[in-house]
């Protein structure tokens, strides 16, 4: 559980850094996101999830980062 809470904390740090460091750029980027078609956003989200699962699988099942 300690590892999970640490991971959640790291996610908050990574998610918050762009807003803290580049607030104007993030506003513009978010504005552009609202103009994208939902199907494209869904495809990008699916690609990110699959990449995340693949990365987790590779790091847990191989000696890649050992």
N, C-alpha and C. Protein backbone atom coordinates (compact mmCIF):
# COMPACT_ATOMS: atom_id res chain seq x y z
N UNK A 1 0.82 -1.19 0.00
CA UNK A 1 0.00 0.00 0.00
C UNK A 1 0.87 1.26 0.00
N UNK A 2 2.01 1.19 0.68
CA UNK A 2 2.92 2.33 0.74
C UNK A 2 3.41 2.68 -0.67
N UNK A 3 3.74 1.67 -1.46
CA UNK A 3 4.19 1.90 -2.83
C UNK A 3 3.08 2.52 -3.66
N UNK A 4 1.85 2.06 -3.48
CA UNK A 4 0.73 2.59 -4.23
C UNK A 4 0.51 4.07 -3.91
N UNK A 5 0.53 4.44 -2.63
CA UNK A 5 0.33 5.84 -2.24
C UNK A 5 1.47 6.70 -2.77
N UNK A 6 2.69 6.18 -2.76
CA UNK A 6 3.83 6.90 -3.33
C UNK A 6 3.63 7.12 -4.82
N UNK A 7 3.14 6.10 -5.51
CA UNK A 7 2.87 6.21 -6.93
C UNK A 7 1.81 7.27 -7.21
N UNK A 8 0.76 7.29 -6.42
CA UNK A 8 -0.29 8.30 -6.59
C UNK A 8 0.30 9.70 -6.37
N UNK A 9 1.16 9.84 -5.38
CA UNK A 9 1.83 11.12 -5.14
C UNK A 9 2.67 11.56 -6.32
N UNK A 10 3.40 10.62 -6.90
CA UNK A 10 4.22 10.94 -8.08
C UNK A 10 3.35 11.34 -9.26
N UNK A 11 2.21 10.69 -9.41
CA UNK A 11 1.29 11.06 -10.49
C UNK A 11 0.81 12.50 -10.31
N UNK A 12 0.46 12.87 -9.08
CA UNK A 12 0.04 14.25 -8.82
C UNK A 12 1.16 15.24 -9.14
N UNK A 13 2.39 14.89 -8.79
CA UNK A 13 3.52 15.77 -9.10
C UNK A 13 3.67 15.93 -10.60
N UNK A 14 3.67 14.82 -11.32
CA UNK A 14 3.84 14.89 -12.78
C UNK A 14 2.68 15.60 -13.47
N UNK A 15 1.48 15.42 -12.97
CA UNK A 15 0.32 16.10 -13.55
C UNK A 15 0.33 17.60 -13.24
N UNK A 16 0.82 17.97 -12.09
CA UNK A 16 0.77 19.37 -11.68
C UNK A 16 1.92 20.23 -12.20
N UNK A 17 3.06 19.62 -12.51
CA UNK A 17 4.22 20.39 -12.94
C UNK A 17 3.97 21.28 -14.15
N UNK A 18 3.36 20.79 -15.23
CA UNK A 18 3.14 21.69 -16.38
C UNK A 18 2.26 22.88 -16.05
N UNK A 19 1.25 22.69 -15.21
CA UNK A 19 0.37 23.80 -14.84
C UNK A 19 1.12 24.83 -14.01
N UNK A 20 2.03 24.37 -13.16
CA UNK A 20 2.82 25.28 -12.33
C UNK A 20 3.87 26.01 -13.17
N UNK A 21 4.57 25.27 -14.02
CA UNK A 21 5.69 25.84 -14.77
C UNK A 21 5.25 26.65 -15.99
N UNK A 22 4.17 26.22 -16.66
CA UNK A 22 3.76 26.86 -17.91
C UNK A 22 2.26 27.09 -17.94
N UNK A 23 1.71 27.93 -17.06
CA UNK A 23 0.25 28.07 -17.00
C UNK A 23 -0.38 28.60 -18.29
N UNK A 24 0.25 29.56 -18.95
CA UNK A 24 -0.32 30.12 -20.19
C UNK A 24 -0.32 29.09 -21.30
N UNK A 25 0.78 28.34 -21.42
CA UNK A 25 0.86 27.31 -22.46
C UNK A 25 -0.16 26.20 -22.20
N UNK A 26 -0.38 25.87 -20.94
CA UNK A 26 -1.36 24.84 -20.61
C UNK A 26 -2.78 25.30 -20.96
N UNK A 27 -3.08 26.58 -20.74
CA UNK A 27 -4.39 27.09 -21.11
C UNK A 27 -4.61 26.95 -22.61
N UNK A 28 -3.60 27.29 -23.39
CA UNK A 28 -3.72 27.18 -24.85
C UNK A 28 -3.86 25.71 -25.26
N UNK A 29 -3.08 24.85 -24.65
CA UNK A 29 -3.14 23.42 -24.98
C UNK A 29 -4.51 22.85 -24.65
N UNK A 30 -5.05 23.23 -23.49
CA UNK A 30 -6.38 22.75 -23.10
C UNK A 30 -7.46 23.30 -24.04
N UNK A 31 -7.29 24.53 -24.50
CA UNK A 31 -8.22 25.11 -25.47
C UNK A 31 -8.21 24.28 -26.76
N UNK A 32 -7.02 23.89 -27.20
CA UNK A 32 -6.91 23.07 -28.41
C UNK A 32 -7.53 21.69 -28.20
N UNK A 33 -7.39 21.14 -26.99
CA UNK A 33 -7.98 19.83 -26.69
C UNK A 33 -9.50 19.85 -26.82
N UNK A 34 -10.11 20.96 -26.41
CA UNK A 34 -11.57 21.04 -26.49
C UNK A 34 -12.07 21.08 -27.92
N UNK A 35 -11.20 21.43 -28.86
CA UNK A 35 -11.59 21.49 -30.27
C UNK A 35 -11.36 20.17 -31.00
N UNK A 36 -10.70 19.23 -30.37
CA UNK A 36 -10.43 17.94 -31.00
C UNK A 36 -11.67 17.06 -30.97
N UNK A 37 -11.85 16.24 -32.01
CA UNK A 37 -13.00 15.33 -32.00
C UNK A 37 -12.86 14.27 -30.90
N UNK A 38 -13.98 13.91 -30.26
CA UNK A 38 -13.93 12.91 -29.18
C UNK A 38 -13.29 11.59 -29.60
N UNK A 39 -13.48 11.17 -30.84
CA UNK A 39 -12.90 9.91 -31.29
C UNK A 39 -11.37 9.96 -31.25
N UNK A 40 -10.80 11.10 -31.59
CA UNK A 40 -9.35 11.25 -31.56
C UNK A 40 -8.85 11.23 -30.12
N UNK A 41 -9.57 11.92 -29.22
CA UNK A 41 -9.19 11.90 -27.81
C UNK A 41 -9.27 10.49 -27.24
N UNK A 42 -10.30 9.75 -27.62
CA UNK A 42 -10.45 8.37 -27.15
C UNK A 42 -9.29 7.51 -27.65
N UNK A 43 -8.91 7.68 -28.91
CA UNK A 43 -7.81 6.91 -29.49
C UNK A 43 -6.49 7.24 -28.79
N UNK A 44 -6.28 8.53 -28.51
CA UNK A 44 -5.06 8.93 -27.80
C UNK A 44 -5.04 8.36 -26.39
N UNK A 45 -6.19 8.37 -25.72
CA UNK A 45 -6.27 7.80 -24.38
C UNK A 45 -6.00 6.31 -24.39
N UNK A 46 -6.57 5.60 -25.36
CA UNK A 46 -6.35 4.17 -25.46
C UNK A 46 -4.88 3.87 -25.73
N UNK A 47 -4.26 4.65 -26.60
CA UNK A 47 -2.83 4.45 -26.89
C UNK A 47 -1.99 4.66 -25.63
N UNK A 48 -2.33 5.66 -24.83
CA UNK A 48 -1.59 5.93 -23.60
C UNK A 48 -1.77 4.78 -22.60
N UNK A 49 -2.99 4.27 -22.48
CA UNK A 49 -3.25 3.16 -21.56
C UNK A 49 -2.49 1.91 -22.01
N UNK A 50 -2.55 1.60 -23.29
CA UNK A 50 -1.84 0.42 -23.79
C UNK A 50 -0.33 0.56 -23.61
N UNK A 51 0.20 1.76 -23.87
CA UNK A 51 1.63 1.99 -23.66
C UNK A 51 1.98 1.81 -22.18
N UNK A 52 1.14 2.32 -21.30
CA UNK A 52 1.38 2.16 -19.87
C UNK A 52 1.38 0.71 -19.44
N UNK A 53 0.39 -0.05 -19.93
CA UNK A 53 0.36 -1.48 -19.61
C UNK A 53 1.59 -2.20 -20.14
N UNK A 54 1.99 -1.87 -21.36
CA UNK A 54 3.16 -2.49 -21.96
C UNK A 54 4.42 -2.17 -21.15
N UNK A 55 4.56 -0.91 -20.76
CA UNK A 55 5.71 -0.51 -19.96
C UNK A 55 5.74 -1.24 -18.62
N UNK A 56 4.59 -1.33 -17.96
CA UNK A 56 4.51 -2.07 -16.69
C UNK A 56 4.86 -3.54 -16.89
N UNK A 57 4.33 -4.13 -17.94
CA UNK A 57 4.59 -5.55 -18.22
C UNK A 57 6.08 -5.79 -18.45
N UNK A 58 6.67 -4.96 -19.30
CA UNK A 58 8.08 -5.14 -19.63
C UNK A 58 8.96 -4.99 -18.39
N UNK A 59 8.69 -3.96 -17.59
CA UNK A 59 9.54 -3.74 -16.42
C UNK A 59 9.34 -4.80 -15.35
N UNK A 60 8.17 -5.40 -15.27
CA UNK A 60 7.92 -6.43 -14.25
C UNK A 60 8.33 -7.82 -14.70
N UNK A 61 8.25 -8.11 -15.97
CA UNK A 61 8.50 -9.46 -16.47
C UNK A 61 9.88 -9.69 -17.06
N UNK A 62 10.66 -8.63 -17.22
CA UNK A 62 11.99 -8.78 -17.81
C UNK A 62 13.02 -8.15 -16.88
N UNK A 63 14.27 -8.28 -17.24
CA UNK A 63 15.36 -7.66 -16.49
C UNK A 63 15.78 -6.35 -17.15
N UNK A 64 14.88 -5.72 -17.86
CA UNK A 64 15.19 -4.52 -18.61
C UNK A 64 15.81 -3.42 -17.75
N UNK A 65 15.24 -3.15 -16.59
CA UNK A 65 15.76 -2.09 -15.71
C UNK A 65 16.40 -2.67 -14.45
N UNK A 66 16.94 -3.83 -14.56
CA UNK A 66 17.51 -4.49 -13.38
C UNK A 66 18.94 -4.15 -13.16
